[in-house]
Amino acid sequence: MDIQQAKDEYRKALRKGHREFRLRVAKGAYPYLQVLDDILENTQVERIEPLGLVNIPMESIVGTKTEGRKAAFAANFMPLLEEGTEFQMKWTNLCAAHMNEGIRDPIKAFEFMNRFYVQEGNKRVSVLKYFDAASIPGYVTRVVPRRSGSKGSEIYHEFLAFYDITKVNFIGFSEQGRFERLLMLTCNGKHEPWTEEQKRDFASVYYTFAGVFEKLGGKKLPITPGDALLMYLELYPYEQQIGRSSAEMEQTLEALWPEVVGLTKAGAVEVSMEPENHSAPLLSRILPLEQFTVNAAFLYEKSADTSAWVYAHEFGRSYVEEALPNRVYTHVYDNIRIGTDDDEVIERAIRDGSSVIFTTTPKLLGASLRAAARHPEVKILNCSLNMPHPTIRTYYGRLYEAKFILGAIAGALTENDKIGYFATYPIYGMTAGVNAFAIGAKLVNPRARIYLQWTSHKDGRGLDLFKEKDIHVISSPDTGLPKGERAYGVYLLTRENQPIPMAMPFWHWGEFYEKILRSILNNTWKADTAEDGCAVNYWWGIGSGMIDVLTSRGLPPGTKRLTEFLKQGLCEGKVDVFGGEVFDQGGRLVTPQNGSSFTPEEILKMDWLADNIVGQIPAFDDLIEIAKPLVKVQGIYRKEGQI
């Protein structure tokens, strides 16, 4: 390139600079480069440290160190000074040098909050930004602000820990917890320094993905390419993306685009608390219903012979076949190996003609989302809670309502004010169930104390602990297998260690499945679609018939009457489980200050325990290994934006 051609490029860059300047002025935005010295005037600095020679992402260079050159550039680093100036001559010479031999001299810059401010080399940055260069080498000094507790501050300090391990500075996130999650997905959470090969592989994956993200319209969304990449890697293993072409990645990401847009909803989930009564379209009312049939697949991790959970869903599936004969045909796929053949099983179900698929464990969420991307014509529902995924629907029951009643029963039965409680996993809704049980027990017995154990805790002591504390009223897993298991629900433990069942929650999945399948048969399925692309989560309670409490013949008549009274109150909306003053274990009032009830989201995400509970919520590292995959998906300490 000769000097005259370089001058032509300067004119084009100048027009870009003036255009950016005018646009920002029209919007009331600052039109020049940001100045780090101005920012630091109102910032408490924790430390300043040299990083040495670093490859700086061009998109992360946002300003200058001092204000000396700020008026020479628009906010996009394009020049503002007219032709004939010394500035123009130097810019032109750099432009010609870049095109003829490349700009190789490092700049000097300061990094603050993972944004870079140039001390020496502003014109080099301007030229390279004009030619859309990806990065530039530079000697960098990091300025670390004091931790303030703000969201931005917390994300930045998470980045610092990530950078110490990877030396990667080109990815950013809009929510907390995502840098650690990225480490989990790329290197199994190992906090060991990355090799040069690991850095190259990740850079290749990231920049390929970022290019596809931008091509599909990602720049219009209020999220970062990193946010979208993390969601993508939750579904498609990182190792499989290394070396993948942009065309292949684009095909996959385009199918997932509703999920990407869903990230902008900040985890928004539209919760359906009760079944809606939608009128069927006129055509459906005129034509005989028998003309419309549905093939529905039920996917289970285990079998009905080995799992009470699967047995309950199988009971519901059989109920649907009897309730909708010749209209609904069901197919069972059980003993699925999560992460091994789950994708293939869903594909097989679709090949077998299933147009509706119920995946009955949160562990099948990833496979459900991948299938939804491949087959948008298939309706897929996953049995889980509070999942922000608009391409599928999720469903569960408000089990805490049944737990409230069971707590009242246990409170009436205990003779020494002690009640044992076995919880399974610290996942969405589980803590609400524990608290509801404790509140129910306190309702009838103000002195009742709930001794909490987690079956998923690696140091759990089981019944031995309850025996030591002379506890004989116990709440165990919700249902037993059909072959004689008696230690389930609320039961009395005799001196001879024999369980006597008194009451149990009952999952009437058939009620849910029938209503969902009827909505499909009646063409009213779309009536439940959320506005603005939000995810739909069915979370029905006792009033829907999906949840119930069954009592044994041995329960005292007065306690049975109390059970029915509480059921009726819940169905009619006259009983609020978490109404009134509720205190946590630290004595803190957790009831909303304005006197309103807890929102569904607040109930789902409860991470505290009521004041009459003895025990605590286990940390993730304290869980048995078999529990961790489920808790990663549904755990109450799960970070927003992850699967």
Foldseek 3Di string as FASTA:
>chain_A
DDLVVLLVLLVVLQVVQVVQQVVQVVVVHDFWFDEQVVVCVPFAFDDKAWPFKAWAFLVQAQAAPHPPCGQQGTRLLRGNDDPPDPLSVVLSVLLVCCVPPRDADAFEWEAELLHIHGHGDSSVSSSCVSVVHGTHIYTYMYTQTDQDPDQSSQQSVLVVQLCVAEVDRPDGWDGPPLSQLVCCQLPVSDSHHDDPVSNVQVVVLQVLQQVLCVVVPVVVAPTTSSLVVSQVCLQPRSVVSRPDHSVVVNLLVVLQVLQVNLVSVQLDEDEAAADDDDAFDPVLVVDDLLVAAAEEEEEELADLQPDVLNVQVVLLVVLQCVVDPSRYHYDYHYNDDQPPCLLVVVVVSVVVPHQEYEYEALSCVSSQSSVLSVCLSGAYEYAAPSGWGLSYAYEDELCLLVLLLLLLLLLVPDPPLEEEEEFEAQFFNRQLNQQSSPLSSCVNPVSHFYEYDYPQFPPTDPCVVCVVVVHFWYADDQDDRPPDDQPHGTWGQDPVRDTHFFKGKRFNVNLVVNSCSVCVSSVNNCVQRDPPSTHYYYYYYLLSVRMAMDGDPPRDPVSVVVSVVSSVCVNVVNDDSPADWWAFLVRDTPADPVRDGDDPVCSRLDQTHTNRYDDHRDDLVRGDPVRNSSCCSGHSPHITSYD
